[in-house]
């Protein structure tokens, strides 16, 4: 099972990659009326690369969401098996957060 920080980094990567793809699509639309055979070839290659990247992103996103669901199920099972340890852990996190907030 992967660490939660790895999942978070993947989610950030997916979000940033979507922004890059949106910018690339906007650039392709903005240059659609610009002439030139070389530019048309470059635009076609960029569109193909963008399409491939979108497909890979969809697969990666599915994998990340599946991992998040698996982590949630594992957490749920752990809490049901060891409720007092889960309560103790949550209480200790609450105390730490309370101390940090109280310092301000």
N, C-alpha and C. Protein backbone atom coordinates (compact mmCIF):
# COMPACT_ATOMS: atom_id res chain seq x y z
N UNK A 1 0.84 -1.17 0.00
CA UNK A 1 0.00 0.00 0.00
C UNK A 1 0.89 1.24 0.00
N UNK A 2 0.52 2.25 -0.77
CA UNK A 2 1.32 3.46 -0.89
C UNK A 2 1.06 4.41 0.27
N UNK A 3 2.01 5.29 0.49
CA UNK A 3 1.86 6.29 1.52
C UNK A 3 0.83 7.33 1.08
N UNK A 4 0.21 7.97 2.05
CA UNK A 4 -0.77 9.01 1.74
C UNK A 4 -0.08 10.18 1.06
N UNK A 5 1.16 10.47 1.44
CA UNK A 5 1.88 11.59 0.81
C UNK A 5 2.11 11.31 -0.67
N UNK A 6 2.34 10.05 -1.03
CA UNK A 6 2.50 9.70 -2.44
C UNK A 6 1.20 9.93 -3.19
N UNK A 7 0.07 9.56 -2.56
CA UNK A 7 -1.23 9.77 -3.17
C UNK A 7 -1.46 11.27 -3.38
N UNK A 8 -1.11 12.07 -2.36
CA UNK A 8 -1.31 13.52 -2.44
C UNK A 8 -0.47 14.10 -3.56
N UNK A 9 0.79 13.65 -3.68
CA UNK A 9 1.66 14.14 -4.74
C UNK A 9 1.11 13.78 -6.12
N UNK A 10 0.54 12.60 -6.25
CA UNK A 10 -0.05 12.20 -7.52
C UNK A 10 -1.27 13.06 -7.84
N UNK A 11 -2.08 13.36 -6.81
CA UNK A 11 -3.23 14.23 -7.05
C UNK A 11 -2.80 15.61 -7.48
N UNK A 12 -1.74 16.14 -6.87
CA UNK A 12 -1.22 17.44 -7.28
C UNK A 12 -0.71 17.38 -8.71
N UNK A 13 -0.02 16.31 -9.04
CA UNK A 13 0.52 16.15 -10.39
C UNK A 13 -0.61 16.09 -11.40
N UNK A 14 -1.66 15.37 -11.10
CA UNK A 14 -2.80 15.27 -12.01
C UNK A 14 -3.43 16.64 -12.22
N UNK A 15 -3.61 17.39 -11.15
CA UNK A 15 -4.20 18.72 -11.24
C UNK A 15 -3.33 19.65 -12.09
N UNK A 16 -2.02 19.63 -11.85
CA UNK A 16 -1.12 20.49 -12.62
C UNK A 16 -1.06 20.06 -14.09
N UNK A 17 -1.10 18.76 -14.33
CA UNK A 17 -1.05 18.26 -15.70
C UNK A 17 -2.31 18.65 -16.46
N UNK A 18 -3.46 18.63 -15.78
CA UNK A 18 -4.70 19.06 -16.42
C UNK A 18 -4.62 20.53 -16.80
N UNK A 19 -4.03 21.33 -15.94
CA UNK A 19 -3.88 22.76 -16.25
C UNK A 19 -2.98 22.96 -17.47
N UNK A 20 -1.91 22.19 -17.55
CA UNK A 20 -1.01 22.28 -18.71
C UNK A 20 -1.74 21.87 -19.98
N UNK A 21 -2.53 20.81 -19.90
CA UNK A 21 -3.28 20.36 -21.08
C UNK A 21 -4.30 21.41 -21.50
N UNK A 22 -4.97 22.04 -20.55
CA UNK A 22 -5.93 23.09 -20.90
C UNK A 22 -5.23 24.26 -21.58
N UNK A 23 -4.06 24.64 -21.08
CA UNK A 23 -3.29 25.72 -21.70
C UNK A 23 -2.83 25.33 -23.10
N UNK A 24 -2.42 24.08 -23.27
CA UNK A 24 -1.99 23.63 -24.59
C UNK A 24 -3.16 23.63 -25.58
N UNK A 25 -4.33 23.21 -25.12
CA UNK A 25 -5.52 23.24 -25.98
C UNK A 25 -5.86 24.67 -26.36
N UNK A 26 -5.76 25.59 -25.40
CA UNK A 26 -6.04 27.00 -25.70
C UNK A 26 -5.05 27.54 -26.71
N UNK A 27 -3.79 27.16 -26.58
CA UNK A 27 -2.77 27.60 -27.54
C UNK A 27 -3.06 27.05 -28.93
N UNK A 28 -3.45 25.78 -29.01
CA UNK A 28 -3.77 25.19 -30.31
C UNK A 28 -4.97 25.88 -30.94
N UNK A 29 -5.97 26.22 -30.14
CA UNK A 29 -7.14 26.92 -30.67
C UNK A 29 -6.78 28.33 -31.12
N UNK A 30 -5.89 28.98 -30.38
CA UNK A 30 -5.50 30.35 -30.72
C UNK A 30 -4.70 30.40 -32.02
N UNK A 31 -3.95 29.35 -32.31
CA UNK A 31 -3.13 29.33 -33.53
C UNK A 31 -3.80 28.59 -34.67
N UNK A 32 -5.08 28.26 -34.52
CA UNK A 32 -5.77 27.47 -35.54
C UNK A 32 -5.85 28.20 -36.87
N UNK A 33 -5.99 29.51 -36.85
CA UNK A 33 -6.14 30.27 -38.09
C UNK A 33 -4.82 30.73 -38.67
N UNK A 34 -3.73 30.49 -37.99
CA UNK A 34 -2.42 30.88 -38.48
C UNK A 34 -2.01 29.92 -39.59
N UNK A 35 -1.53 30.47 -40.68
CA UNK A 35 -1.20 29.66 -41.85
C UNK A 35 0.18 29.03 -41.75
N UNK A 36 0.51 28.33 -42.79
CA UNK A 36 1.82 27.71 -42.88
C UNK A 36 1.74 26.21 -42.75
N UNK A 37 2.41 25.54 -43.68
CA UNK A 37 2.38 24.08 -43.70
C UNK A 37 3.14 23.49 -42.51
N UNK A 38 4.27 24.08 -42.16
CA UNK A 38 5.05 23.58 -41.03
C UNK A 38 4.28 23.75 -39.73
N UNK A 39 3.59 24.86 -39.60
CA UNK A 39 2.80 25.10 -38.40
C UNK A 39 1.65 24.09 -38.30
N UNK A 40 1.07 23.75 -39.43
CA UNK A 40 -0.01 22.76 -39.43
C UNK A 40 0.51 21.39 -39.00
N UNK A 41 1.71 21.04 -39.44
CA UNK A 41 2.31 19.77 -39.04
C UNK A 41 2.59 19.74 -37.53
N UNK A 42 3.15 20.84 -37.05
CA UNK A 42 3.46 20.93 -35.62
C UNK A 42 2.17 20.87 -34.80
N UNK A 43 1.13 21.57 -35.27
CA UNK A 43 -0.14 21.57 -34.58
C UNK A 43 -0.73 20.16 -34.54
N UNK A 44 -0.63 19.43 -35.65
CA UNK A 44 -1.15 18.06 -35.70
C UNK A 44 -0.40 17.15 -34.72
N UNK A 45 0.93 17.30 -34.67
CA UNK A 45 1.71 16.50 -33.72
C UNK A 45 1.36 16.86 -32.28
N UNK A 46 1.17 18.15 -32.03
CA UNK A 46 0.82 18.58 -30.68
C UNK A 46 -0.55 18.04 -30.28
N UNK A 47 -1.50 18.06 -31.19
CA UNK A 47 -2.84 17.53 -30.90
C UNK A 47 -2.78 16.04 -30.61
N UNK A 48 -1.96 15.31 -31.37
CA UNK A 48 -1.82 13.88 -31.14
C UNK A 48 -1.16 13.62 -29.78
N UNK A 49 -0.12 14.37 -29.46
CA UNK A 49 0.54 14.21 -28.16
C UNK A 49 -0.40 14.55 -27.03
N UNK A 50 -1.21 15.57 -27.21
CA UNK A 50 -2.17 15.97 -26.19
C UNK A 50 -3.23 14.90 -25.99
N UNK A 51 -3.68 14.29 -27.06
CA UNK A 51 -4.67 13.22 -26.98
C UNK A 51 -4.09 12.02 -26.22
N UNK A 52 -2.85 11.67 -26.51
CA UNK A 52 -2.19 10.55 -25.82
C UNK A 52 -2.01 10.87 -24.34
N UNK A 53 -1.61 12.11 -24.05
CA UNK A 53 -1.42 12.52 -22.66
C UNK A 53 -2.73 12.46 -21.89
N UNK A 54 -3.83 12.85 -22.52
CA UNK A 54 -5.13 12.79 -21.86
C UNK A 54 -5.51 11.35 -21.53
N UNK A 55 -5.24 10.44 -22.45
CA UNK A 55 -5.54 9.04 -22.21
C UNK A 55 -4.72 8.50 -21.04
N UNK A 56 -3.43 8.82 -21.00
CA UNK A 56 -2.56 8.37 -19.92
C UNK A 56 -2.99 8.99 -18.60
N UNK A 57 -3.40 10.26 -18.64
CA UNK A 57 -3.86 10.92 -17.43
C UNK A 57 -5.11 10.26 -16.88
N UNK A 58 -6.01 9.87 -17.76
CA UNK A 58 -7.24 9.20 -17.32
C UNK A 58 -6.91 7.88 -16.63
N UNK A 59 -5.96 7.14 -17.19
CA UNK A 59 -5.56 5.87 -16.58
C UNK A 59 -4.91 6.12 -15.22
N UNK A 60 -4.01 7.10 -15.15
CA UNK A 60 -3.33 7.42 -13.90
C UNK A 60 -4.33 7.88 -12.85
N UNK A 61 -5.30 8.68 -13.27
CA UNK A 61 -6.30 9.17 -12.34
C UNK A 61 -7.13 8.01 -11.78
N UNK A 62 -7.47 7.06 -12.63
CA UNK A 62 -8.21 5.88 -12.17
C UNK A 62 -7.40 5.08 -11.15
N UNK A 63 -6.10 4.96 -11.40
CA UNK A 63 -5.23 4.23 -10.48
C UNK A 63 -5.15 4.94 -9.13
N UNK A 64 -5.01 6.27 -9.18
CA UNK A 64 -4.93 7.04 -7.94
C UNK A 64 -6.22 6.92 -7.15
N UNK A 65 -7.35 7.04 -7.82
CA UNK A 65 -8.64 6.93 -7.13
C UNK A 65 -8.85 5.53 -6.57
N UNK A 66 -8.41 4.52 -7.30
CA UNK A 66 -8.52 3.15 -6.80
C UNK A 66 -7.66 2.98 -5.55
N UNK A 67 -6.47 3.55 -5.57
CA UNK A 67 -5.60 3.49 -4.39
C UNK A 67 -6.19 4.22 -3.20
N UNK A 68 -6.82 5.36 -3.46
CA UNK A 68 -7.45 6.11 -2.37
C UNK A 68 -8.62 5.32 -1.78
N UNK A 69 -9.39 4.68 -2.64
CA UNK A 69 -10.50 3.85 -2.15
C UNK A 69 -9.97 2.69 -1.32
N UNK A 70 -8.89 2.08 -1.78
CA UNK A 70 -8.29 0.96 -1.05
C UNK A 70 -7.79 1.42 0.32
N UNK A 71 -7.16 2.60 0.36
CA UNK A 71 -6.68 3.14 1.63
C UNK A 71 -7.85 3.44 2.57
N UNK A 72 -8.93 3.96 2.04
CA UNK A 72 -10.11 4.25 2.86
C UNK A 72 -10.71 2.96 3.42
N UNK A 73 -10.75 1.92 2.60
CA UNK A 73 -11.27 0.63 3.07
C UNK A 73 -10.38 0.05 4.16
N UNK A 74 -9.06 0.16 3.96
CA UNK A 74 -8.12 -0.37 4.96
C UNK A 74 -8.25 0.41 6.27
N UNK A 75 -8.43 1.72 6.17
CA UNK A 75 -8.60 2.54 7.37
C UNK A 75 -9.89 2.16 8.09
N UNK A 76 -10.95 1.98 7.33
CA UNK A 76 -12.23 1.59 7.91
C UNK A 76 -12.13 0.24 8.63
N UNK A 77 -11.46 -0.70 7.99
CA UNK A 77 -11.29 -2.02 8.60
C UNK A 77 -10.46 -1.92 9.88
N UNK A 78 -9.40 -1.10 9.85
CA UNK A 78 -8.55 -0.94 11.03
C UNK A 78 -9.33 -0.33 12.18
N UNK A 79 -10.13 0.70 11.88
CA UNK A 79 -10.91 1.36 12.93
C UNK A 79 -11.93 0.40 13.53
N UNK A 80 -12.50 -0.45 12.69
CA UNK A 80 -13.47 -1.42 13.22
C UNK A 80 -12.78 -2.52 14.05
N UNK A 81 -11.56 -2.87 13.69
CA UNK A 81 -10.84 -3.91 14.42
C UNK A 81 -10.25 -3.38 15.72
N UNK A 82 -9.77 -2.14 15.70
CA UNK A 82 -9.09 -1.56 16.86
C UNK A 82 -9.64 -0.16 17.14
N UNK A 83 -10.88 -0.09 17.62
CA UNK A 83 -11.50 1.23 17.79
C UNK A 83 -10.81 2.09 18.85
N UNK A 84 -10.33 1.51 19.94
CA UNK A 84 -9.73 2.31 21.00
C UNK A 84 -8.39 2.89 20.56
N UNK A 85 -7.65 2.15 19.79
CA UNK A 85 -6.39 2.70 19.28
C UNK A 85 -6.67 3.85 18.31
N UNK A 86 -7.70 3.70 17.48
CA UNK A 86 -8.06 4.77 16.55
C UNK A 86 -8.51 6.02 17.31
N UNK A 87 -9.28 5.82 18.38
CA UNK A 87 -9.73 6.96 19.19
C UNK A 87 -8.53 7.63 19.85
N UNK A 88 -7.62 6.85 20.36
CA UNK A 88 -6.40 7.41 20.97
C UNK A 88 -5.57 8.19 19.98
N UNK A 89 -5.43 7.65 18.79
CA UNK A 89 -4.66 8.34 17.75
C UNK A 89 -5.33 9.66 17.38
N UNK A 90 -6.64 9.62 17.17
CA UNK A 90 -7.37 10.84 16.81
C UNK A 90 -7.28 11.87 17.94
N UNK A 91 -7.39 11.42 19.18
CA UNK A 91 -7.29 12.34 20.31
C UNK A 91 -5.91 12.97 20.39
N UNK A 92 -4.87 12.17 20.16
CA UNK A 92 -3.51 12.72 20.22
C UNK A 92 -3.28 13.73 19.11
N UNK A 93 -3.80 13.48 17.92
CA UNK A 93 -3.69 14.45 16.83
C UNK A 93 -4.45 15.72 17.21
N UNK A 94 -5.61 15.57 17.83
CA UNK A 94 -6.39 16.73 18.26
C UNK A 94 -5.64 17.56 19.28
N UNK A 95 -4.95 16.90 20.21
CA UNK A 95 -4.17 17.61 21.22
C UNK A 95 -3.04 18.39 20.56
N UNK A 96 -2.33 17.75 19.64
CA UNK A 96 -1.22 18.41 18.95
C UNK A 96 -1.72 19.63 18.17
N UNK A 97 -2.80 19.45 17.44
CA UNK A 97 -3.35 20.57 16.67
C UNK A 97 -3.81 21.68 17.62
N UNK A 98 -4.45 21.31 18.72
CA UNK A 98 -4.88 22.29 19.71
C UNK A 98 -3.71 23.07 20.29
N UNK A 99 -2.61 22.37 20.59
CA UNK A 99 -1.42 23.05 21.10
C UNK A 99 -0.83 24.00 20.06
N UNK A 100 -0.80 23.57 18.83
CA UNK A 100 -0.25 24.43 17.78
C UNK A 100 -1.12 25.67 17.57
N UNK A 101 -2.41 25.49 17.60
CA UNK A 101 -3.32 26.63 17.44
C UNK A 101 -3.23 27.55 18.66
N UNK A 102 -3.10 26.97 19.85
CA UNK A 102 -3.01 27.76 21.07
C UNK A 102 -1.75 28.58 21.20
N UNK A 103 -0.71 28.24 20.46
CA UNK A 103 0.57 28.96 20.52
C UNK A 103 0.45 30.33 19.87
N UNK A 104 -0.45 30.49 18.96
CA UNK A 104 -0.56 31.76 18.23
C UNK A 104 -1.10 32.77 19.12
